Amino acid sequence: MYDSSMKTETFPLAVSLDLLEEVRQAAKETGLSMADVMRQSAKLGLPKLRQELSVSRLRPMTDKDAREAYAPDPEWDALEKAMTARALHPRPQD
């Protein structure tokens, strides 16, 4: 599945410690390097990511959705009122 003769580009990637541990475990279980585990994870997971998170999956709002989304929210309204009533602190003069 992995073709090591293909052209590659290095891409730095920040990974949480939990995910890094999963990658290490997968590398041990499969005998692949950590880099190969990351590459294969991306290759195998991209179709599912596209399927699950694609913008094309969005549907238009129904009237019910719109009513719920734009209905008054007493908790938010109270917070907004309290925050706008606070005195603003002037910025110090430079």
PDB file of N, CA and C in Angstrom:
ATOM      1  N   MET A   1       0.825  -1.196   0.000  1.00  0.00           N
ATOM      2  CA  MET A   1       0.000   0.000   0.000  1.00  0.00           C
ATOM      3  C   MET A   1       0.868   1.259   0.000  1.00  0.00           C
ATOM      4  N   TYR A   2       2.009   1.210   0.679  1.00  0.00           N
ATOM      5  CA  TYR A   2       2.886   2.372   0.777  1.00  0.00           C
ATOM      6  C   TYR A   2       3.993   2.267  -0.256  1.00  0.00           C
ATOM      7  N   ASP A   3       4.145   3.291  -1.074  1.00  0.00           N
ATOM      8  CA  ASP A   3       5.157   3.303  -2.126  1.00  0.00           C
ATOM      9  C   ASP A   3       6.285   4.233  -1.695  1.00  0.00           C
ATOM     10  N   SER A   4       7.413   3.669  -1.273  1.00  0.00           N
ATOM     11  CA  SER A   4       8.505   4.490  -0.758  1.00  0.00           C
ATOM     12  C   SER A   4       9.283   5.194  -1.859  1.00  0.00           C
ATOM     13  N   SER A   5       9.017   4.875  -3.131  1.00  0.00           N
ATOM     14  CA  SER A   5       9.748   5.524  -4.217  1.00  0.00           C
ATOM     15  C   SER A   5       9.097   6.827  -4.662  1.00  0.00           C
ATOM     16  N   MET A   6       7.964   7.169  -4.072  1.00  0.00           N
ATOM     17  CA  MET A   6       7.289   8.394  -4.486  1.00  0.00           C
ATOM     18  C   MET A   6       8.023   9.621  -3.951  1.00  0.00           C
ATOM     19  N   LYS A   7       7.821  10.746  -4.612  1.00  0.00           N
ATOM     20  CA  LYS A   7       8.412  11.996  -4.152  1.00  0.00           C
ATOM     21  C   LYS A   7       7.742  12.378  -2.839  1.00  0.00           C
ATOM     22  N   THR A   8       8.521  12.910  -1.921  1.00  0.00           N
ATOM     23  CA  THR A   8       7.970  13.263  -0.615  1.00  0.00           C
ATOM     24  C   THR A   8       8.301  14.695  -0.267  1.00  0.00           C
ATOM     25  N   GLU A   9       7.593  15.216   0.684  1.00  0.00           N
ATOM     26  CA  GLU A   9       7.846  16.540   1.225  1.00  0.00           C
ATOM     27  C   GLU A   9       7.698  16.436   2.732  1.00  0.00           C
ATOM     28  N   THR A  10       8.610  17.029   3.464  1.00  0.00           N
ATOM     29  CA  THR A  10       8.547  17.005   4.920  1.00  0.00           C
ATOM     30  C   THR A  10       7.560  18.052   5.387  1.00  0.00           C
ATOM     31  N   PHE A  11       6.711  17.656   6.346  1.00  0.00           N
ATOM     32  CA  PHE A  11       5.699  18.561   6.879  1.00  0.00           C
ATOM     33  C   PHE A  11       5.704  18.436   8.398  1.00  0.00           C
ATOM     34  N   PRO A  12       6.101  19.501   9.114  1.00  0.00           N
ATOM     35  CA  PRO A  12       6.088  19.421  10.583  1.00  0.00           C
ATOM     36  C   PRO A  12       4.649  19.339  11.090  1.00  0.00           C
ATOM     37  N   LEU A  13       4.434  18.502  12.074  1.00  0.00           N
ATOM     38  CA  LEU A  13       3.083  18.266  12.566  1.00  0.00           C
ATOM     39  C   LEU A  13       3.087  18.217  14.083  1.00  0.00           C
ATOM     40  N   ALA A  14       2.333  19.096  14.718  1.00  0.00           N
ATOM     41  CA  ALA A  14       2.196  19.066  16.177  1.00  0.00           C
ATOM     42  C   ALA A  14       1.207  17.959  16.534  1.00  0.00           C
ATOM     43  N   VAL A  15       1.598  17.111  17.465  1.00  0.00           N
ATOM     44  CA  VAL A  15       0.777  15.960  17.842  1.00  0.00           C
ATOM     45  C   VAL A  15       0.660  15.924  19.358  1.00  0.00           C
ATOM     46  N   SER A  16      -0.542  15.685  19.863  1.00  0.00           N
ATOM     47  CA  SER A  16      -0.721  15.577  21.309  1.00  0.00           C
ATOM     48  C   SER A  16       0.016  14.350  21.831  1.00  0.00           C
ATOM     49  N   LEU A  17       0.345  14.381  23.105  1.00  0.00           N
ATOM     50  CA  LEU A  17       1.055  13.243  23.703  1.00  0.00           C
ATOM     51  C   LEU A  17       0.226  11.960  23.638  1.00  0.00           C
ATOM     52  N   ASP A  18      -1.082  12.085  23.797  1.00  0.00           N
ATOM     53  CA  ASP A  18      -1.953  10.903  23.707  1.00  0.00           C
ATOM     54  C   ASP A  18      -1.893  10.287  22.314  1.00  0.00           C
ATOM     55  N   LEU A  19      -1.977  11.124  21.294  1.00  0.00           N
ATOM     56  CA  LEU A  19      -1.930  10.611  19.922  1.00  0.00           C
ATOM     57  C   LEU A  19      -0.554  10.037  19.609  1.00  0.00           C
ATOM     58  N   LEU A  20       0.492  10.692  20.091  1.00  0.00           N
ATOM     59  CA  LEU A  20       1.839  10.189  19.872  1.00  0.00           C
ATOM     60  C   LEU A  20       2.005   8.794  20.478  1.00  0.00           C
ATOM     61  N   GLU A  21       1.433   8.591  21.640  1.00  0.00           N
ATOM     62  CA  GLU A  21       1.503   7.268  22.268  1.00  0.00           C
ATOM     63  C   GLU A  21       0.750   6.234  21.433  1.00  0.00           C
ATOM     64  N   GLU A  22      -0.380   6.620  20.875  1.00  0.00           N
ATOM     65  CA  GLU A  22      -1.124   5.697  19.995  1.00  0.00           C
ATOM     66  C   GLU A  22      -0.303   5.353  18.763  1.00  0.00           C
ATOM     67  N   VAL A  23       0.397   6.339  18.217  1.00  0.00           N
ATOM     68  CA  VAL A  23       1.247   6.101  17.042  1.00  0.00           C
ATOM     69  C   VAL A  23       2.366   5.133  17.409  1.00  0.00           C
ATOM     70  N   ARG A  24       2.992   5.366  18.557  1.00  0.00           N
ATOM     71  CA  ARG A  24       4.069   4.458  19.006  1.00  0.00           C
ATOM     72  C   ARG A  24       3.543   3.033  19.153  1.00  0.00           C
ATOM     73  N   GLN A  25       2.384   2.889  19.761  1.00  0.00           N
ATOM     74  CA  GLN A  25       1.791   1.563  19.973  1.00  0.00           C
ATOM     75  C   GLN A  25       1.479   0.903  18.632  1.00  0.00           C
ATOM     76  N   ALA A  26       0.921   1.661  17.707  1.00  0.00           N
ATOM     77  CA  ALA A  26       0.608   1.113  16.383  1.00  0.00           C
ATOM     78  C   ALA A  26       1.883   0.695  15.657  1.00  0.00           C
ATOM     79  N   ALA A  27       2.949   1.462  15.825  1.00  0.00           N
ATOM     80  CA  ALA A  27       4.222   1.118  15.192  1.00  0.00           C
ATOM     81  C   ALA A  27       4.735  -0.212  15.742  1.00  0.00           C
ATOM     82  N   LYS A  28       4.639  -0.391  17.055  1.00  0.00           N
ATOM     83  CA  LYS A  28       5.076  -1.655  17.659  1.00  0.00           C
ATOM     84  C   LYS A  28       4.231  -2.823  17.155  1.00  0.00           C
ATOM     85  N   GLU A  29       2.910  -2.616  17.105  1.00  0.00           N
ATOM     86  CA  GLU A  29       1.998  -3.696  16.715  1.00  0.00           C
ATOM     87  C   GLU A  29       2.137  -4.083  15.249  1.00  0.00           C
ATOM     88  N   THR A  30       2.463  -3.117  14.400  1.00  0.00           N
ATOM     89  CA  THR A  30       2.509  -3.381  12.962  1.00  0.00           C
ATOM     90  C   THR A  30       3.908  -3.613  12.426  1.00  0.00           C
ATOM     91  N   GLY A  31       4.919  -3.223  13.201  1.00  0.00           N
ATOM     92  CA  GLY A  31       6.281  -3.334  12.707  1.00  0.00           C
ATOM     93  C   GLY A  31       6.666  -2.206  11.766  1.00  0.00           C
ATOM     94  N   LEU A  32       5.809  -1.218  11.619  1.00  0.00           N
ATOM     95  CA  LEU A  32       6.108  -0.061  10.781  1.00  0.00           C
ATOM     96  C   LEU A  32       6.839   0.987  11.597  1.00  0.00           C
ATOM     97  N   SER A  33       7.511   1.887  10.915  1.00  0.00           N
ATOM     98  CA  SER A  33       8.115   3.033  11.605  1.00  0.00           C
ATOM     99  C   SER A  33       6.991   3.981  12.009  1.00  0.00           C
ATOM    100  N   MET A  34       7.291   4.882  12.936  1.00  0.00           N
ATOM    101  CA  MET A  34       6.282   5.861  13.341  1.00  0.00           C
ATOM    102  C   MET A  34       5.877   6.734  12.154  1.00  0.00           C
ATOM    103  N   ALA A  35       6.859   7.083  11.310  1.00  0.00           N
ATOM    104  CA  ALA A  35       6.548   7.901  10.136  1.00  0.00           C
ATOM    105  C   ALA A  35       5.603   7.155   9.203  1.00  0.00           C
ATOM    106  N   ASP A  36       5.866   5.849   8.994  1.00  0.00           N
ATOM    107  CA  ASP A  36       4.976   5.057   8.132  1.00  0.00           C
ATOM    108  C   ASP A  36       3.586   4.926   8.733  1.00  0.00           C
ATOM    109  N   VAL A  37       3.509   4.792  10.050  1.00  0.00           N
ATOM    110  CA  VAL A  37       2.196   4.729  10.704  1.00  0.00           C
ATOM    111  C   VAL A  37       1.427   6.016  10.448  1.00  0.00           C
ATOM    112  N   MET A  38       2.102   7.157  10.576  1.00  0.00           N
ATOM    113  CA  MET A  38       1.431   8.440  10.337  1.00  0.00           C
ATOM    114  C   MET A  38       0.983   8.557   8.884  1.00  0.00           C
ATOM    115  N   ARG A  39       1.856   8.160   7.951  1.00  0.00           N
ATOM    116  CA  ARG A  39       1.493   8.238   6.534  1.00  0.00           C
ATOM    117  C   ARG A  39       0.303   7.334   6.225  1.00  0.00           C
ATOM    118  N   GLN A  40       0.354   6.105   6.725  1.00  0.00           N
ATOM    119  CA  GLN A  40      -0.732   5.168   6.447  1.00  0.00           C
ATOM    120  C   GLN A  40      -2.024   5.600   7.122  1.00  0.00           C
ATOM    121  N   SER A  41      -1.920   6.168   8.315  1.00  0.00           N
ATOM    122  CA  SER A  41      -3.117   6.679   9.000  1.00  0.00           C
ATOM    123  C   SER A  41      -3.792   7.754   8.168  1.00  0.00           C
ATOM    124  N   ALA A  42      -2.982   8.646   7.629  1.00  0.00           N
ATOM    125  CA  ALA A  42      -3.548   9.708   6.790  1.00  0.00           C
ATOM    126  C   ALA A  42      -4.161   9.115   5.534  1.00  0.00           C
ATOM    127  N   LYS A  43      -3.428   8.209   4.899  1.00  0.00           N
ATOM    128  CA  LYS A  43      -3.918   7.640   3.643  1.00  0.00           C
ATOM    129  C   LYS A  43      -5.209   6.854   3.849  1.00  0.00           C
ATOM    130  N   LEU A  44      -5.254   6.040   4.910  1.00  0.00           N
ATOM    131  CA  LEU A  44      -6.439   5.224   5.165  1.00  0.00           C
ATOM    132  C   LEU A  44      -7.596   6.047   5.724  1.00  0.00           C
ATOM    133  N   GLY A  45      -7.270   7.113   6.451  1.00  0.00           N
ATOM    134  CA  GLY A  45      -8.312   7.894   7.102  1.00  0.00           C
ATOM    135  C   GLY A  45      -8.880   9.038   6.289  1.00  0.00           C
ATOM    136  N   LEU A  46      -8.186   9.485   5.244  1.00  0.00           N
ATOM    137  CA  LEU A  46      -8.674  10.632   4.470  1.00  0.00           C
ATOM    138  C   LEU A  46     -10.033  10.408   3.827  1.00  0.00           C
ATOM    139  N   PRO A  47     -10.300   9.236   3.257  1.00  0.00           N
ATOM    140  CA  PRO A  47     -11.638   9.044   2.683  1.00  0.00           C
ATOM    141  C   PRO A  47     -12.750   9.194   3.733  1.00  0.00           C
ATOM    142  N   LYS A  48     -12.529   8.661   4.921  1.00  0.00           N
ATOM    143  CA  LYS A  48     -13.542   8.788   5.977  1.00  0.00           C
ATOM    144  C   LYS A  48     -13.675  10.236   6.425  1.00  0.00           C
ATOM    145  N   LEU A  49     -12.543  10.941   6.544  1.00  0.00           N
ATOM    146  CA  LEU A  49     -12.590  12.340   6.920  1.00  0.00           C
ATOM    147  C   LEU A  49     -13.395  13.143   5.911  1.00  0.00           C
ATOM    148  N   ARG A  50     -13.128  12.906   4.642  1.00  0.00           N
ATOM    149  CA  ARG A  50     -13.884  13.625   3.597  1.00  0.00           C
ATOM    150  C   ARG A  50     -15.370  13.306   3.688  1.00  0.00           C
ATOM    151  N   GLN A  51     -15.673  12.040   3.897  1.00  0.00           N
ATOM    152  CA  GLN A  51     -17.076  11.622   3.968  1.00  0.00           C
ATOM    153  C   GLN A  51     -17.783  12.259   5.160  1.00  0.00           C
ATOM    154  N   GLU A  52     -17.121  12.292   6.300  1.00  0.00           N
ATOM    155  CA  GLU A  52     -17.755  12.776   7.521  1.00  0.00           C
ATOM    156  C   GLU A  52     -17.783  14.294   7.653  1.00  0.00           C
ATOM    157  N   LEU A  53     -16.748  14.968   7.154  1.00  0.00           N
ATOM    158  CA  LEU A  53     -16.612  16.401   7.417  1.00  0.00           C
ATOM    159  C   LEU A  53     -16.724  17.290   6.190  1.00  0.00           C
ATOM    160  N   SER A  54     -17.039  16.731   5.053  1.00  0.00           N
ATOM    161  CA  SER A  54     -17.104  17.509   3.825  1.00  0.00           C
ATOM    162  C   SER A  54     -18.187  18.575   3.904  1.00  0.00           C
ATOM    163  N   VAL A  55     -17.848  19.743   3.411  1.00  0.00           N
ATOM    164  CA  VAL A  55     -18.813  20.848   3.380  1.00  0.00           C
ATOM    165  C   VAL A  55     -20.015  20.477   2.514  1.00  0.00           C
ATOM    166  N   SER A  56     -19.793  19.633   1.527  1.00  0.00           N
ATOM    167  CA  SER A  56     -20.895  19.251   0.648  1.00  0.00           C
ATOM    168  C   SER A  56     -21.970  18.451   1.381  1.00  0.00           C
ATOM    169  N   ARG A  57     -21.660  17.973   2.588  1.00  0.00           N
ATOM    170  CA  ARG A  57     -22.657  17.244   3.371  1.00  0.00           C
ATOM    171  C   ARG A  57     -23.617  18.178   4.082  1.00  0.00           C
ATOM    172  N   LEU A  58     -23.284  19.459   4.122  1.00  0.00           N
ATOM    173  CA  LEU A  58     -24.159  20.409   4.800  1.00  0.00           C
ATOM    174  C   LEU A  58     -25.492  20.491   4.078  1.00  0.00           C
ATOM    175  N   ARG A  59     -26.528  20.602   4.840  1.00  0.00           N
ATOM    176  CA  ARG A  59     -27.851  20.743   4.245  1.00  0.00           C
ATOM    177  C   ARG A  59     -28.388  22.125   4.613  1.00  0.00           C
ATOM    178  N   PRO A  60     -29.276  22.648   3.813  1.00  0.00           N
ATOM    179  CA  PRO A  60     -29.852  23.959   4.144  1.00  0.00           C
ATOM    180  C   PRO A  60     -30.654  23.872   5.440  1.00  0.00           C
ATOM    181  N   MET A  61     -30.730  24.993   6.137  1.00  0.00           N
ATOM    182  CA  MET A  61     -31.539  25.038   7.357  1.00  0.00           C
ATOM    183  C   MET A  61     -33.010  24.907   7.020  1.00  0.00           C
ATOM    184  N   THR A  62     -33.687  24.109   7.803  1.00  0.00           N
ATOM    185  CA  THR A  62     -35.141  24.055   7.677  1.00  0.00           C
ATOM    186  C   THR A  62     -35.702  25.238   8.454  1.00  0.00           C
ATOM    187  N   ASP A  63     -36.987  25.493   8.292  1.00  0.00           N
ATOM    188  CA  ASP A  63     -37.618  26.573   9.060  1.00  0.00           C
ATOM    189  C   ASP A  63     -37.482  26.305  10.556  1.00  0.00           C
ATOM    190  N   LYS A  64     -37.621  25.049  10.949  1.00  0.00           N
ATOM    191  CA  LYS A  64     -37.498  24.675  12.366  1.00  0.00           C
ATOM    192  C   LYS A  64     -36.079  24.955  12.863  1.00  0.00           C
ATOM    193  N   ASP A  65     -35.065  24.561  12.067  1.00  0.00           N
ATOM    194  CA  ASP A  65     -33.671  24.824  12.436  1.00  0.00           C
ATOM    195  C   ASP A  65     -33.440  26.323  12.629  1.00  0.00           C
ATOM    196  N   ALA A  66     -33.947  27.116  11.706  1.00  0.00           N
ATOM    197  CA  ALA A  66     -33.752  28.570  11.772  1.00  0.00           C
ATOM    198  C   ALA A  66     -34.421  29.153  13.008  1.00  0.00           C
ATOM    199  N   ARG A  67     -35.632  28.704  13.312  1.00  0.00           N
ATOM    200  CA  ARG A  67     -36.315  29.200  14.512  1.00  0.00           C
ATOM    201  C   ARG A  67     -35.508  28.873  15.763  1.00  0.00           C
ATOM    202  N   GLU A  68     -34.977  27.654  15.840  1.00  0.00           N
ATOM    203  CA  GLU A  68     -34.182  27.261  17.010  1.00  0.00           C
ATOM    204  C   GLU A  68     -32.871  28.043  17.078  1.00  0.00           C
ATOM    205  N   ALA A  69     -32.222  28.230  15.948  1.00  0.00           N
ATOM    206  CA  ALA A  69     -30.931  28.912  15.925  1.00  0.00           C
ATOM    207  C   ALA A  69     -31.050  30.386  16.292  1.00  0.00           C
ATOM    208  N   TYR A  70     -32.138  31.011  15.878  1.00  0.00           N
ATOM    209  CA  TYR A  70     -32.282  32.450  16.087  1.00  0.00           C
ATOM    210  C   TYR A  70     -33.310  32.799  17.150  1.00  0.00           C
ATOM    211  N   ALA A  71     -33.710  31.820  17.944  1.00  0.00           N
ATOM    212  CA  ALA A  71     -34.669  32.080  19.025  1.00  0.00           C
ATOM    213  C   ALA A  71     -33.987  32.893  20.119  1.00  0.00           C
ATOM    214  N   PRO A  72     -34.760  33.709  20.829  1.00  0.00           N
ATOM    215  CA  PRO A  72     -34.173  34.452  21.945  1.00  0.00           C
ATOM    216  C   PRO A  72     -33.557  33.481  22.967  1.00  0.00           C
ATOM    217  N   ASP A  73     -32.457  33.900  23.557  1.00  0.00           N
ATOM    218  CA  ASP A  73     -31.770  33.090  24.560  1.00  0.00           C
ATOM    219  C   ASP A  73     -31.624  33.945  25.814  1.00  0.00           C
ATOM    220  N   PRO A  74     -32.488  33.750  26.799  1.00  0.00           N
ATOM    221  CA  PRO A  74     -32.464  34.607  27.993  1.00  0.00           C
ATOM    222  C   PRO A  74     -31.110  34.612  28.710  1.00  0.00           C
ATOM    223  N   GLU A  75     -30.454  33.484  28.772  1.00  0.00           N
ATOM    224  CA  GLU A  75     -29.161  33.425  29.449  1.00  0.00           C
ATOM    225  C   GLU A  75     -28.126  34.286  28.711  1.00  0.00           C
ATOM    226  N   TRP A  76     -28.085  34.154  27.386  1.00  0.00           N
ATOM    227  CA  TRP A  76     -27.142  34.958  26.595  1.00  0.00           C
ATOM    228  C   TRP A  76     -27.503  36.434  26.684  1.00  0.00           C
ATOM    229  N   ASP A  77     -28.793  36.742  26.601  1.00  0.00           N
ATOM    230  CA  ASP A  77     -29.225  38.137  26.670  1.00  0.00           C
ATOM    231  C   ASP A  77     -28.823  38.778  27.997  1.00  0.00           C
ATOM    232  N   ALA A  78     -28.953  38.021  29.104  1.00  0.00           N
ATOM    233  CA  ALA A  78     -28.568  38.549  30.421  1.00  0.00           C
ATOM    234  C   ALA A  78     -27.060  38.782  30.478  1.00  0.00           C
ATOM    235  N   LEU A  79     -26.282  37.860  29.941  1.00  0.00           N
ATOM    236  CA  LEU A  79     -24.830  38.020  29.925  1.00  0.00           C
ATOM    237  C   LEU A  79     -24.430  39.231  29.081  1.00  0.00           C
ATOM    238  N   GLU A  80     -25.032  39.349  27.918  1.00  0.00           N
ATOM    239  CA  GLU A  80     -24.713  40.474  27.045  1.00  0.00           C
ATOM    240  C   GLU A  80     -25.059  41.802  27.717  1.00  0.00           C
ATOM    241  N   LYS A  81     -26.191  41.850  28.389  1.00  0.00           N
ATOM    242  CA  LYS A  81     -26.620  43.075  29.074  1.00  0.00           C
ATOM    243  C   LYS A  81     -25.634  43.426  30.194  1.00  0.00           C
ATOM    244  N   ALA A  82     -25.216  42.427  30.963  1.00  0.00           N
ATOM    245  CA  ALA A  82     -24.271  42.669  32.058  1.00  0.00           C
ATOM    246  C   ALA A  82     -22.926  43.145  31.528  1.00  0.00           C
ATOM    247  N   MET A  83     -22.464  42.544  30.461  1.00  0.00           N
ATOM    248  CA  MET A  83     -21.155  42.906  29.917  1.00  0.00           C
ATOM    249  C   MET A  83     -21.166  44.294  29.283  1.00  0.00           C
ATOM    250  N   THR A  84     -22.242  44.651  28.631  1.00  0.00           N
ATOM    251  CA  THR A  84     -22.284  45.978  28.006  1.00  0.00           C
ATOM    252  C   THR A  84     -22.505  47.072  29.043  1.00  0.00           C
ATOM    253  N   ALA A  85     -23.006  46.717  30.229  1.00  0.00           N
ATOM    254  CA  ALA A  85     -23.216  47.712  31.280  1.00  0.00           C
ATOM    255  C   ALA A  85     -21.930  48.016  32.038  1.00  0.00           C
ATOM    256  N   ARG A  86     -20.915  47.163  31.881  1.00  0.00           N
ATOM    257  CA  ARG A  86     -19.647  47.383  32.577  1.00  0.00           C
ATOM    258  C   ARG A  86     -18.961  48.640  32.052  1.00  0.00           C
ATOM    259  N   ALA A  87     -18.311  49.326  32.972  1.00  0.00           N
ATOM    260  CA  ALA A  87     -17.548  50.507  32.570  1.00  0.00           C
ATOM    261  C   ALA A  87     -16.297  50.073  31.821  1.00  0.00           C
ATOM    262  N   LEU A  88     -16.011  50.765  30.768  1.00  0.00           N
ATOM    263  CA  LEU A  88     -14.789  50.476  30.019  1.00  0.00           C
ATOM    264  C   LEU A  88     -13.622  51.170  30.693  1.00  0.00           C
ATOM    265  N   HIS A  89     -12.511  50.483  30.768  1.00  0.00           N
ATOM    266  CA  HIS A  89     -11.307  51.087  31.330  1.00  0.00           C
ATOM    267  C   HIS A  89     -10.568  51.783  30.203  1.00  0.00           C
ATOM    268  N   PRO A  90     -10.293  53.062  30.368  1.00  0.00           N
ATOM    269  CA  PRO A  90      -9.580  53.755  29.290  1.00  0.00           C
ATOM    270  C   PRO A  90      -8.157  53.203  29.161  1.00  0.00           C
ATOM    271  N   ARG A  91      -7.660  53.216  27.951  1.00  0.00           N
ATOM    272  CA  ARG A  91      -6.284  52.790  27.717  1.00  0.00           C
ATOM    273  C   ARG A  91      -5.333  53.830  28.267  1.00  0.00           C
ATOM    274  N   PRO A  92      -4.213  53.375  28.827  1.00  0.00           N
ATOM    275  CA  PRO A  92      -3.231  54.353  29.322  1.00  0.00           C
ATOM    276  C   PRO A  92      -2.679  55.180  28.160  1.00  0.00           C
ATOM    277  N   GLN A  93      -2.381  56.422  28.459  1.00  0.00           N
ATOM    278  CA  GLN A  93      -1.817  57.318  27.438  1.00  0.00           C
ATOM    279  C   GLN A  93      -0.384  56.898  27.144  1.00  0.00           C
ATOM    280  N   ASP A  94      -0.029  56.883  25.874  1.00  0.00           N
ATOM    281  CA  ASP A  94       1.349  56.553  25.485  1.00  0.00           C
ATOM    282  C   ASP A  94       2.252  57.732  25.663  1.00  0.00           C
TER     283      ASP A  94
END
